[in-house]
Every structure is written in C-alpha cells, then in structure tokens.
C-alpha cells in the first residue's frame, strides 16, 4: 500500500492509501474534487544521490528517534526523516549505514 497526496483547488491537502498503481486521478474531499498532487513527490537527482528517503530500510515513524540514536551510537551521521526513512548521501554512506544494522543492498 502506498500513500498518495491529493489537493483541492483551494489548497486543501489529503493523503489517501491505495495499492501501488491503483490510485485514482481525483477523489472527493468533503464534497470538493481533489486531484493527485505530484509536486510533493520526491524526485532524486540524476545521479540518485542523495536518496530522498529509503523506504526499504526505514522504520515506523514512531521508531525514527531510535534509528537516529542507533546511527549516532555507531558513529554515523545519517539523517532520518519524520517518516522513519534514512536519507543516504552516497552509495558508500548507504553501505556503512546498512552494515551497522546488519543489512546490505542486493543491487
């Protein structure tokens, strides 16, 4: 399931959850039509770094503080966004952060 953002003409925002690729182009919010808001989608640089937030290695938002502390305790400077997703600055940065959690990138 993926969270999609919608916006009405007067700027009211709403997030809705749909299966990936199944989100409608518009929804109704309190009787007003809201269209998909693509301006809030994170678009990585052409090189892919920094990675805007790695959902695959993220944690529940309630655990974001614990993940920040884990990185700090292991001497790593890794930003974790409010959604609990680490933000990697480079491939090497990602490798170090994943290794300290006993993980690795298969690609």
PDB file of N, CA and C in Angstrom:
ATOM      1  N   UNK A   1       0.839  -1.175   0.000  1.00  0.00           N
ATOM      2  CA  UNK A   1       0.000   0.000   0.000  1.00  0.00           C
ATOM      3  C   UNK A   1       0.892   1.249   0.000  1.00  0.00           C
ATOM      4  N   UNK A   2       0.434   2.257  -0.711  1.00  0.00           N
ATOM      5  CA  UNK A   2       1.208   3.479  -0.882  1.00  0.00           C
ATOM      6  C   UNK A   2       0.332   4.679  -0.513  1.00  0.00           C
ATOM      7  N   UNK A   3       0.951   5.688   0.084  1.00  0.00           N
ATOM      8  CA  UNK A   3       0.232   6.919   0.416  1.00  0.00           C
ATOM      9  C   UNK A   3       0.326   7.875  -0.771  1.00  0.00           C
ATOM     10  N   UNK A   4      -0.830   8.364  -1.213  1.00  0.00           N
ATOM     11  CA  UNK A   4      -0.897   9.321  -2.312  1.00  0.00           C
ATOM     12  C   UNK A   4      -1.471  10.630  -1.780  1.00  0.00           C
ATOM     13  N   UNK A   5      -0.957  11.751  -2.273  1.00  0.00           N
ATOM     14  CA  UNK A   5      -1.422  13.066  -1.823  1.00  0.00           C
ATOM     15  C   UNK A   5      -2.336  13.675  -2.874  1.00  0.00           C
ATOM     16  N   UNK A   6      -3.408  14.299  -2.386  1.00  0.00           N
ATOM     17  CA  UNK A   6      -4.384  14.980  -3.229  1.00  0.00           C
ATOM     18  C   UNK A   6      -4.533  16.416  -2.746  1.00  0.00           C
ATOM     19  N   UNK A   7      -4.893  17.327  -3.686  1.00  0.00           N
ATOM     20  CA  UNK A   7      -5.048  18.748  -3.358  1.00  0.00           C
ATOM     21  C   UNK A   7      -6.294  19.284  -4.068  1.00  0.00           C
ATOM     22  N   UNK A   8      -7.106  20.039  -3.318  1.00  0.00           N
ATOM     23  CA  UNK A   8      -8.260  20.706  -3.916  1.00  0.00           C
ATOM     24  C   UNK A   8      -7.792  22.014  -4.548  1.00  0.00           C
ATOM     25  N   UNK A   9      -8.671  22.655  -5.329  1.00  0.00           N
ATOM     26  CA  UNK A   9      -8.311  23.925  -5.974  1.00  0.00           C
ATOM     27  C   UNK A   9      -7.966  25.001  -4.961  1.00  0.00           C
ATOM     28  N   UNK A  10      -8.583  24.921  -3.760  1.00  0.00           N
ATOM     29  CA  UNK A  10      -8.287  25.935  -2.744  1.00  0.00           C
ATOM     30  C   UNK A  10      -7.156  25.520  -1.812  1.00  0.00           C
ATOM     31  N   UNK A  11      -6.419  24.466  -2.183  1.00  0.00           N
ATOM     32  CA  UNK A  11      -5.198  24.104  -1.469  1.00  0.00           C
ATOM     33  C   UNK A  11      -5.331  23.127  -0.319  1.00  0.00           C
ATOM     34  N   UNK A  12      -6.523  22.583  -0.094  1.00  0.00           N
ATOM     35  CA  UNK A  12      -6.692  21.600   0.977  1.00  0.00           C
ATOM     36  C   UNK A  12      -6.001  20.302   0.560  1.00  0.00           C
ATOM     37  N   UNK A  13      -5.142  19.792   1.449  1.00  0.00           N
ATOM     38  CA  UNK A  13      -4.399  18.565   1.161  1.00  0.00           C
ATOM     39  C   UNK A  13      -5.016  17.385   1.894  1.00  0.00           C
ATOM     40  N   UNK A  14      -4.938  16.224   1.271  1.00  0.00           N
ATOM     41  CA  UNK A  14      -5.395  14.993   1.908  1.00  0.00           C
ATOM     42  C   UNK A  14      -4.534  13.846   1.409  1.00  0.00           C
ATOM     43  N   UNK A  15      -4.165  12.969   2.309  1.00  0.00           N
ATOM     44  CA  UNK A  15      -3.406  11.772   1.947  1.00  0.00           C
ATOM     45  C   UNK A  15      -4.338  10.576   2.008  1.00  0.00           C
ATOM     46  N   UNK A  16      -4.249   9.708   1.018  1.00  0.00           N
ATOM     47  CA  UNK A  16      -5.065   8.502   0.975  1.00  0.00           C
ATOM     48  C   UNK A  16      -4.165   7.324   0.612  1.00  0.00           C
ATOM     49  N   UNK A  17      -4.537   6.145   1.072  1.00  0.00           N
ATOM     50  CA  UNK A  17      -3.747   4.938   0.837  1.00  0.00           C
ATOM     51  C   UNK A  17      -4.446   4.070  -0.208  1.00  0.00           C
ATOM     52  N   UNK A  18      -3.676   3.654  -1.219  1.00  0.00           N
ATOM     53  CA  UNK A  18      -4.166   2.775  -2.269  1.00  0.00           C
ATOM     54  C   UNK A  18      -3.075   1.766  -2.602  1.00  0.00           C
ATOM     55  N   UNK A  19      -3.461   0.693  -3.288  1.00  0.00           N
ATOM     56  CA  UNK A  19      -2.455  -0.233  -3.791  1.00  0.00           C
ATOM     57  C   UNK A  19      -1.613   0.516  -4.820  1.00  0.00           C
ATOM     58  N   UNK A  20      -0.333   0.141  -4.903  1.00  0.00           N
ATOM     59  CA  UNK A  20       0.565   0.806  -5.842  1.00  0.00           C
ATOM     60  C   UNK A  20      -0.007   0.738  -7.254  1.00  0.00           C
ATOM     61  N   UNK A  21      -0.078   1.888  -7.902  1.00  0.00           N
ATOM     62  CA  UNK A  21      -0.567   1.971  -9.264  1.00  0.00           C
ATOM     63  C   UNK A  21      -2.079   1.990  -9.387  1.00  0.00           C
ATOM     64  N   UNK A  22      -2.803   1.925  -8.280  1.00  0.00           N
ATOM     65  CA  UNK A  22      -4.266   1.865  -8.320  1.00  0.00           C
ATOM     66  C   UNK A  22      -4.932   3.155  -7.838  1.00  0.00           C
ATOM     67  N   UNK A  23      -4.147   4.191  -7.578  1.00  0.00           N
ATOM     68  CA  UNK A  23      -4.705   5.447  -7.077  1.00  0.00           C
ATOM     69  C   UNK A  23      -5.456   6.172  -8.193  1.00  0.00           C
ATOM     70  N   UNK A  24      -6.669   6.656  -7.902  1.00  0.00           N
ATOM     71  CA  UNK A  24      -7.405   7.410  -8.920  1.00  0.00           C
ATOM     72  C   UNK A  24      -6.782   8.790  -9.133  1.00  0.00           C
ATOM     73  N   UNK A  25      -7.061   9.386 -10.275  1.00  0.00           N
ATOM     74  CA  UNK A  25      -6.519  10.706 -10.595  1.00  0.00           C
ATOM     75  C   UNK A  25      -7.142  11.784  -9.716  1.00  0.00           C
ATOM     76  N   UNK A  26      -8.374  11.556  -9.267  1.00  0.00           N
ATOM     77  CA  UNK A  26      -9.022  12.525  -8.387  1.00  0.00           C
ATOM     78  C   UNK A  26      -9.936  11.798  -7.410  1.00  0.00           C
ATOM     79  N   UNK A  27     -10.195  12.464  -6.281  1.00  0.00           N
ATOM     80  CA  UNK A  27     -11.095  11.934  -5.254  1.00  0.00           C
ATOM     81  C   UNK A  27     -11.964  13.086  -4.766  1.00  0.00           C
ATOM     82  N   UNK A  28     -12.980  12.772  -3.984  1.00  0.00           N
ATOM     83  CA  UNK A  28     -13.825  13.802  -3.386  1.00  0.00           C
ATOM     84  C   UNK A  28     -13.440  13.961  -1.919  1.00  0.00           C
ATOM     85  N   UNK A  29     -13.249  15.213  -1.488  1.00  0.00           N
ATOM     86  CA  UNK A  29     -12.944  15.539  -0.099  1.00  0.00           C
ATOM     87  C   UNK A  29     -13.995  16.540   0.362  1.00  0.00           C
ATOM     88  N   UNK A  30     -14.844  16.114   1.273  1.00  0.00           N
ATOM     89  CA  UNK A  30     -15.912  16.993   1.782  1.00  0.00           C
ATOM     90  C   UNK A  30     -16.692  17.652   0.647  1.00  0.00           C
ATOM     91  N   UNK A  31     -17.027  16.864  -0.370  1.00  0.00           N
ATOM     92  CA  UNK A  31     -17.815  17.368  -1.485  1.00  0.00           C
ATOM     93  C   UNK A  31     -17.041  18.162  -2.518  1.00  0.00           C
ATOM     94  N   UNK A  32     -15.718  18.269  -2.356  1.00  0.00           N
ATOM     95  CA  UNK A  32     -14.887  19.001  -3.319  1.00  0.00           C
ATOM     96  C   UNK A  32     -13.937  18.036  -4.007  1.00  0.00           C
ATOM     97  N   UNK A  33     -13.744  18.245  -5.295  1.00  0.00           N
ATOM     98  CA  UNK A  33     -12.839  17.388  -6.056  1.00  0.00           C
ATOM     99  C   UNK A  33     -11.394  17.749  -5.735  1.00  0.00           C
ATOM    100  N   UNK A  34     -10.588  16.712  -5.493  1.00  0.00           N
ATOM    101  CA  UNK A  34      -9.153  16.894  -5.249  1.00  0.00           C
ATOM    102  C   UNK A  34      -8.399  16.035  -6.251  1.00  0.00           C
ATOM    103  N   UNK A  35      -7.385  16.609  -6.869  1.00  0.00           N
ATOM    104  CA  UNK A  35      -6.577  15.900  -7.861  1.00  0.00           C
ATOM    105  C   UNK A  35      -5.253  15.461  -7.254  1.00  0.00           C
ATOM    106  N   UNK A  36      -4.670  14.400  -7.836  1.00  0.00           N
ATOM    107  CA  UNK A  36      -3.352  13.939  -7.376  1.00  0.00           C
ATOM    108  C   UNK A  36      -2.383  15.103  -7.397  1.00  0.00           C
ATOM    109  N   UNK A  37      -1.589  15.217  -6.344  1.00  0.00           N
ATOM    110  CA  UNK A  37      -0.608  16.293  -6.223  1.00  0.00           C
ATOM    111  C   UNK A  37       0.783  15.701  -6.424  1.00  0.00           C
ATOM    112  N   UNK A  38       1.286  15.812  -7.642  1.00  0.00           N
ATOM    113  CA  UNK A  38       2.594  15.243  -7.961  1.00  0.00           C
ATOM    114  C   UNK A  38       3.742  16.158  -7.534  1.00  0.00           C
ATOM    115  N   UNK A  39       3.444  17.392  -7.145  1.00  0.00           N
ATOM    116  CA  UNK A  39       4.514  18.318  -6.761  1.00  0.00           C
ATOM    117  C   UNK A  39       5.190  17.900  -5.468  1.00  0.00           C
ATOM    118  N   UNK A  40       4.544  17.058  -4.684  1.00  0.00           N
ATOM    119  CA  UNK A  40       5.126  16.630  -3.411  1.00  0.00           C
ATOM    120  C   UNK A  40       5.923  15.338  -3.529  1.00  0.00           C
ATOM    121  N   UNK A  41       5.970  14.772  -4.720  1.00  0.00           N
ATOM    122  CA  UNK A  41       6.708  13.526  -4.921  1.00  0.00           C
ATOM    123  C   UNK A  41       8.201  13.836  -4.952  1.00  0.00           C
ATOM    124  N   UNK A  42       8.973  13.104  -4.160  1.00  0.00           N
ATOM    125  CA  UNK A  42      10.429  13.302  -4.149  1.00  0.00           C
ATOM    126  C   UNK A  42      11.030  12.775  -5.438  1.00  0.00           C
ATOM    127  N   UNK A  43      11.759  13.625  -6.117  1.00  0.00           N
ATOM    128  CA  UNK A  43      12.432  13.229  -7.353  1.00  0.00           C
ATOM    129  C   UNK A  43      13.932  13.283  -7.101  1.00  0.00           C
ATOM    130  N   UNK A  44      14.614  12.139  -7.169  1.00  0.00           N
ATOM    131  CA  UNK A  44      16.049  12.149  -6.909  1.00  0.00           C
ATOM    132  C   UNK A  44      16.819  12.860  -8.016  1.00  0.00           C
ATOM    133  N   UNK A  45      18.028  13.269  -7.693  1.00  0.00           N
ATOM    134  CA  UNK A  45      18.879  13.889  -8.705  1.00  0.00           C
ATOM    135  C   UNK A  45      19.186  12.864  -9.787  1.00  0.00           C
ATOM    136  N   UNK A  46      19.775  13.319 -10.872  1.00  0.00           N
ATOM    137  CA  UNK A  46      20.064  12.403 -11.973  1.00  0.00           C
ATOM    138  C   UNK A  46      21.018  11.293 -11.553  1.00  0.00           C
ATOM    139  N   UNK A  47      21.845  11.547 -10.554  1.00  0.00           N
ATOM    140  CA  UNK A  47      22.775  10.528 -10.071  1.00  0.00           C
ATOM    141  C   UNK A  47      22.123   9.639  -9.007  1.00  0.00           C
ATOM    142  N   UNK A  48      20.963  10.060  -8.501  1.00  0.00           N
ATOM    143  CA  UNK A  48      20.271   9.271  -7.492  1.00  0.00           C
ATOM    144  C   UNK A  48      20.668   9.592  -6.057  1.00  0.00           C
ATOM    145  N   UNK A  49      21.615  10.507  -5.868  1.00  0.00           N
ATOM    146  CA  UNK A  49      22.060  10.862  -4.521  1.00  0.00           C
ATOM    147  C   UNK A  49      21.930  12.354  -4.315  1.00  0.00           C
ATOM    148  N   UNK A  50      21.578  12.831  -3.152  1.00  0.00           N
ATOM    149  CA  UNK A  50      21.212  11.997  -2.021  1.00  0.00           C
ATOM    150  C   UNK A  50      19.870  11.311  -2.251  1.00  0.00           C
ATOM    151  N   UNK A  51      19.738  10.129  -1.675  1.00  0.00           N
ATOM    152  CA  UNK A  51      18.493   9.384  -1.762  1.00  0.00           C
ATOM    153  C   UNK A  51      17.497  10.075  -0.825  1.00  0.00           C
ATOM    154  N   UNK A  52      16.342  10.510  -1.336  1.00  0.00           N
ATOM    155  CA  UNK A  52      15.433  11.332  -0.544  1.00  0.00           C
ATOM    156  C   UNK A  52      14.846  10.660   0.692  1.00  0.00           C
ATOM    157  N   UNK A  53      14.900   9.406   0.808  1.00  0.00           N
ATOM    158  CA  UNK A  53      14.362   8.681   1.951  1.00  0.00           C
ATOM    159  C   UNK A  53      14.167   7.235   1.544  1.00  0.00           C
ATOM    160  N   UNK A  54      14.987   6.361   2.074  1.00  0.00           N
ATOM    161  CA  UNK A  54      14.954   4.957   1.661  1.00  0.00           C
ATOM    162  C   UNK A  54      13.878   4.217   2.451  1.00  0.00           C
ATOM    163  N   UNK A  55      12.726   4.034   1.835  1.00  0.00           N
ATOM    164  CA  UNK A  55      11.604   3.363   2.479  1.00  0.00           C
ATOM    165  C   UNK A  55      11.965   1.919   2.817  1.00  0.00           C
ATOM    166  N   UNK A  56      12.742   1.272   1.953  1.00  0.00           N
ATOM    167  CA  UNK A  56      13.083  -0.141   2.157  1.00  0.00           C
ATOM    168  C   UNK A  56      13.874  -0.378   3.437  1.00  0.00           C
ATOM    169  N   UNK A  57      14.673   0.591   3.854  1.00  0.00           N
ATOM    170  CA  UNK A  57      15.448   0.416   5.086  1.00  0.00           C
ATOM    171  C   UNK A  57      14.924   1.313   6.206  1.00  0.00           C
ATOM    172  N   UNK A  58      13.724   1.827   6.019  1.00  0.00           N
ATOM    173  CA  UNK A  58      13.122   2.695   7.018  1.00  0.00           C
ATOM    174  C   UNK A  58      12.458   1.918   8.141  1.00  0.00           C
ATOM    175  N   UNK A  59      11.987   2.662   9.116  1.00  0.00           N
ATOM    176  CA  UNK A  59      11.286   2.096  10.267  1.00  0.00           C
ATOM    177  C   UNK A  59       9.958   2.837  10.425  1.00  0.00           C
ATOM    178  N   UNK A  60       9.118   2.354  11.324  1.00  0.00           N
ATOM    179  CA  UNK A  60       7.858   3.035  11.613  1.00  0.00           C
ATOM    180  C   UNK A  60       8.183   4.443  12.123  1.00  0.00           C
ATOM    181  N   UNK A  61       7.376   5.444  11.775  1.00  0.00           N
ATOM    182  CA  UNK A  61       7.655   6.809  12.235  1.00  0.00           C
ATOM    183  C   UNK A  61       7.872   6.924  13.746  1.00  0.00           C
ATOM    184  N   UNK A  62       7.192   6.097  14.524  1.00  0.00           N
ATOM    185  CA  UNK A  62       7.373   6.124  15.983  1.00  0.00           C
ATOM    186  C   UNK A  62       8.771   5.676  16.401  1.00  0.00           C
ATOM    187  N   UNK A  63       9.493   4.986  15.514  1.00  0.00           N
ATOM    188  CA  UNK A  63      10.825   4.470  15.825  1.00  0.00           C
ATOM    189  C   UNK A  63      11.945   5.313  15.217  1.00  0.00           C
ATOM    190  N   UNK A  64      11.596   6.426  14.575  1.00  0.00           N
ATOM    191  CA  UNK A  64      12.604   7.265  13.910  1.00  0.00           C
ATOM    192  C   UNK A  64      13.672   7.735  14.890  1.00  0.00           C
ATOM    193  N   UNK A  65      13.278   8.124  16.088  1.00  0.00           N
ATOM    194  CA  UNK A  65      14.240   8.573  17.101  1.00  0.00           C
ATOM    195  C   UNK A  65      15.209   7.477  17.494  1.00  0.00           C
ATOM    196  N   UNK A  66      14.691   6.249  17.627  1.00  0.00           N
ATOM    197  CA  UNK A  66      15.550   5.108  17.967  1.00  0.00           C
ATOM    198  C   UNK A  66      16.574   4.859  16.866  1.00  0.00           C
ATOM    199  N   UNK A  67      16.139   4.985  15.608  1.00  0.00           N
ATOM    200  CA  UNK A  67      17.055   4.758  14.489  1.00  0.00           C
ATOM    201  C   UNK A  67      18.133   5.843  14.455  1.00  0.00           C
ATOM    202  N   UNK A  68      17.742   7.094  14.693  1.00  0.00           N
ATOM    203  CA  UNK A  68      18.734   8.179  14.745  1.00  0.00           C
ATOM    204  C   UNK A  68      19.777   7.886  15.823  1.00  0.00           C
ATOM    205  N   UNK A  69      19.307   7.465  17.002  1.00  0.00           N
ATOM    206  CA  UNK A  69      20.205   7.153  18.116  1.00  0.00           C
ATOM    207  C   UNK A  69      21.123   5.986  17.754  1.00  0.00           C
ATOM    208  N   UNK A  70      20.584   4.967  17.093  1.00  0.00           N
ATOM    209  CA  UNK A  70      21.387   3.810  16.684  1.00  0.00           C
ATOM    210  C   UNK A  70      22.539   4.261  15.782  1.00  0.00           C
ATOM    211  N   UNK A  71      22.227   5.104  14.802  1.00  0.00           N
ATOM    212  CA  UNK A  71      23.273   5.596  13.908  1.00  0.00           C
ATOM    213  C   UNK A  71      24.311   6.407  14.681  1.00  0.00           C
ATOM    214  N   UNK A  72      23.855   7.290  15.550  1.00  0.00           N
ATOM    215  CA  UNK A  72      24.764   8.121  16.352  1.00  0.00           C
ATOM    216  C   UNK A  72      25.646   7.259  17.243  1.00  0.00           C
ATOM    217  N   UNK A  73      25.045   6.255  17.890  1.00  0.00           N
ATOM    218  CA  UNK A  73      25.803   5.352  18.767  1.00  0.00           C
ATOM    219  C   UNK A  73      26.885   4.587  18.016  1.00  0.00           C
ATOM    220  N   UNK A  74      26.686   4.404  16.710  1.00  0.00           N
ATOM    221  CA  UNK A  74      27.666   3.699  15.882  1.00  0.00           C
ATOM    222  C   UNK A  74      28.571   4.664  15.117  1.00  0.00           C
ATOM    223  N   UNK A  75      28.533   5.939  15.500  1.00  0.00           N
ATOM    224  CA  UNK A  75      29.431   6.924  14.905  1.00  0.00           C
ATOM    225  C   UNK A  75      29.077   7.357  13.501  1.00  0.00           C
ATOM    226  N   UNK A  76      27.827   7.155  13.109  1.00  0.00           N
ATOM    227  CA  UNK A  76      27.409   7.528  11.761  1.00  0.00           C
ATOM    228  C   UNK A  76      26.510   8.753  11.799  1.00  0.00           C
ATOM    229  N   UNK A  77      26.658   9.604  10.815  1.00  0.00           N
ATOM    230  CA  UNK A  77      25.803  10.775  10.675  1.00  0.00           C
ATOM    231  C   UNK A  77      24.808  10.494   9.554  1.00  0.00           C
ATOM    232  N   UNK A  78      23.634  10.007   9.943  1.00  0.00           N
ATOM    233  CA  UNK A  78      22.600   9.675   8.965  1.00  0.00           C
ATOM    234  C   UNK A  78      21.322  10.392   9.377  1.00  0.00           C
ATOM    235  N   UNK A  79      20.807  11.212   8.481  1.00  0.00           N
ATOM    236  CA  UNK A  79      19.539  11.886   8.750  1.00  0.00           C
ATOM    237  C   UNK A  79      18.409  10.877   8.566  1.00  0.00           C
ATOM    238  N   UNK A  80      17.408  10.939   9.442  1.00  0.00           N
ATOM    239  CA  UNK A  80      16.218  10.091   9.337  1.00  0.00           C
ATOM    240  C   UNK A  80      15.021  11.032   9.269  1.00  0.00           C
ATOM    241  N   UNK A  81      14.219  10.929   8.200  1.00  0.00           N
ATOM    242  CA  UNK A  81      13.090  11.855   8.061  1.00  0.00           C
ATOM    243  C   UNK A  81      11.957  11.489   9.019  1.00  0.00           C
ATOM    244  N   UNK A  82      10.923  12.318   9.067  1.00  0.00           N
ATOM    245  CA  UNK A  82       9.827  12.124  10.016  1.00  0.00           C
ATOM    246  C   UNK A  82       9.054  10.835   9.755  1.00  0.00           C
ATOM    247  N   UNK A  83       9.177  10.291   8.553  1.00  0.00           N
ATOM    248  CA  UNK A  83       8.511   9.035   8.222  1.00  0.00           C
ATOM    249  C   UNK A  83       9.317   7.823   8.674  1.00  0.00           C
ATOM    250  N   UNK A  84      10.533   8.058   9.200  1.00  0.00           N
ATOM    251  CA  UNK A  84      11.379   6.960   9.661  1.00  0.00           C
ATOM    252  C   UNK A  84      12.318   6.421   8.603  1.00  0.00           C
ATOM    253  N   UNK A  85      12.456   7.140   7.486  1.00  0.00           N
ATOM    254  CA  UNK A  85      13.297   6.676   6.384  1.00  0.00           C
ATOM    255  C   UNK A  85      14.664   7.361   6.413  1.00  0.00           C
ATOM    256  N   UNK A  86      15.755   6.578   6.382  1.00  0.00           N
ATOM    257  CA  UNK A  86      17.096   7.167   6.350  1.00  0.00           C
ATOM    258  C   UNK A  86      17.350   7.878   5.018  1.00  0.00           C
ATOM    259  N   UNK A  87      18.116   8.948   5.083  1.00  0.00           N
ATOM    260  CA  UNK A  87      18.493   9.691   3.879  1.00  0.00           C
ATOM    261  C   UNK A  87      19.983   9.475   3.668  1.00  0.00           C
ATOM    262  N   UNK A  88      20.324   8.764   2.602  1.00  0.00           N
ATOM    263  CA  UNK A  88      21.714   8.430   2.312  1.00  0.00           C
ATOM    264  C   UNK A  88      22.302   9.447   1.343  1.00  0.00           C
ATOM    265  N   UNK A  89      23.531   9.875   1.622  1.00  0.00           N
ATOM    266  CA  UNK A  89      24.205  10.887   0.807  1.00  0.00           C
ATOM    267  C   UNK A  89      24.944  10.295  -0.389  1.00  0.00           C
ATOM    268  N   UNK A  90      25.320   9.036  -0.308  1.00  0.00           N
ATOM    269  CA  UNK A  90      26.054   8.378  -1.393  1.00  0.00           C
ATOM    270  C   UNK A  90      25.914   6.866  -1.223  1.00  0.00           C
ATOM    271  N   UNK A  91      26.387   6.139  -2.213  1.00  0.00           N
ATOM    272  CA  UNK A  91      26.345   4.677  -2.139  1.00  0.00           C
ATOM    273  C   UNK A  91      27.181   4.185  -0.949  1.00  0.00           C
ATOM    274  N   UNK A  92      28.347   4.769  -0.755  1.00  0.00           N
ATOM    275  CA  UNK A  92      29.237   4.394   0.355  1.00  0.00           C
ATOM    276  C   UNK A  92      28.557   4.672   1.700  1.00  0.00           C
ATOM    277  N   UNK A  93      27.908   5.825   1.798  1.00  0.00           N
ATOM    278  CA  UNK A  93      27.179   6.209   3.010  1.00  0.00           C
ATOM    279  C   UNK A  93      26.078   5.181   3.303  1.00  0.00           C
ATOM    280  N   UNK A  94      25.362   4.778   2.263  1.00  0.00           N
ATOM    281  CA  UNK A  94      24.308   3.777   2.405  1.00  0.00           C
ATOM    282  C   UNK A  94      24.888   2.445   2.881  1.00  0.00           C
ATOM    283  N   UNK A  95      25.996   2.021   2.278  1.00  0.00           N
ATOM    284  CA  UNK A  95      26.627   0.747   2.656  1.00  0.00           C
ATOM    285  C   UNK A  95      27.001   0.730   4.134  1.00  0.00           C
ATOM    286  N   UNK A  96      27.601   1.816   4.622  1.00  0.00           N
ATOM    287  CA  UNK A  96      28.004   1.894   6.033  1.00  0.00           C
ATOM    288  C   UNK A  96      26.790   1.864   6.957  1.00  0.00           C
ATOM    289  N   UNK A  97      25.756   2.626   6.598  1.00  0.00           N
ATOM    290  CA  UNK A  97      24.553   2.689   7.432  1.00  0.00           C
ATOM    291  C   UNK A  97      23.833   1.342   7.474  1.00  0.00           C
ATOM    292  N   UNK A  98      23.741   0.685   6.340  1.00  0.00           N
ATOM    293  CA  UNK A  98      23.089  -0.625   6.309  1.00  0.00           C
ATOM    294  C   UNK A  98      23.912  -1.656   7.077  1.00  0.00           C
ATOM    295  N   UNK A  99      25.233  -1.618   6.923  1.00  0.00           N
ATOM    296  CA  UNK A  99      26.111  -2.582   7.600  1.00  0.00           C
ATOM    297  C   UNK A  99      25.981  -2.483   9.116  1.00  0.00           C
ATOM    298  N   UNK A 100      25.839  -1.277   9.640  1.00  0.00           N
ATOM    299  CA  UNK A 100      25.740  -1.131  11.098  1.00  0.00           C
ATOM    300  C   UNK A 100      24.422  -1.686  11.620  1.00  0.00           C
ATOM    301  N   UNK A 101      23.480  -1.967  10.722  1.00  0.00           N
ATOM    302  CA  UNK A 101      22.204  -2.575  11.112  1.00  0.00           C
ATOM    303  C   UNK A 101      22.132  -4.041  10.699  1.00  0.00           C
ATOM    304  N   UNK A 102      23.248  -4.579  10.180  1.00  0.00           N
ATOM    305  CA  UNK A 102      23.263  -5.976   9.756  1.00  0.00           C
ATOM    306  C   UNK A 102      22.534  -6.211   8.450  1.00  0.00           C
ATOM    307  N   UNK A 103      22.484  -5.173   7.613  1.00  0.00           N
ATOM    308  CA  UNK A 103      21.778  -5.264   6.337  1.00  0.00           C
ATOM    309  C   UNK A 103      22.752  -4.978   5.197  1.00  0.00           C
ATOM    310  N   UNK A 104      22.326  -5.280   3.966  1.00  0.00           N
ATOM    311  CA  UNK A 104      23.107  -4.913   2.787  1.00  0.00           C
ATOM    312  C   UNK A 104      22.170  -4.688   1.608  1.00  0.00           C
ATOM    313  N   UNK A 105      22.667  -3.975   0.616  1.00  0.00           N
ATOM    314  CA  UNK A 105      21.909  -3.686  -0.590  1.00  0.00           C
ATOM    315  C   UNK A 105      22.249  -4.747  -1.626  1.00  0.00           C
ATOM    316  N   UNK A 106      21.242  -5.444  -2.126  1.00  0.00           N
ATOM    317  CA  UNK A 106      21.492  -6.522  -3.087  1.00  0.00           C
ATOM    318  C   UNK A 106      21.703  -6.019  -4.509  1.00  0.00           C
ATOM    319  N   UNK A 107      21.454  -4.730  -4.760  1.00  0.00           N
ATOM    320  CA  UNK A 107      21.619  -4.249  -6.140  1.00  0.00           C
ATOM    321  C   UNK A 107      22.900  -3.457  -6.303  1.00  0.00           C
TER     322      UNK A 107
END
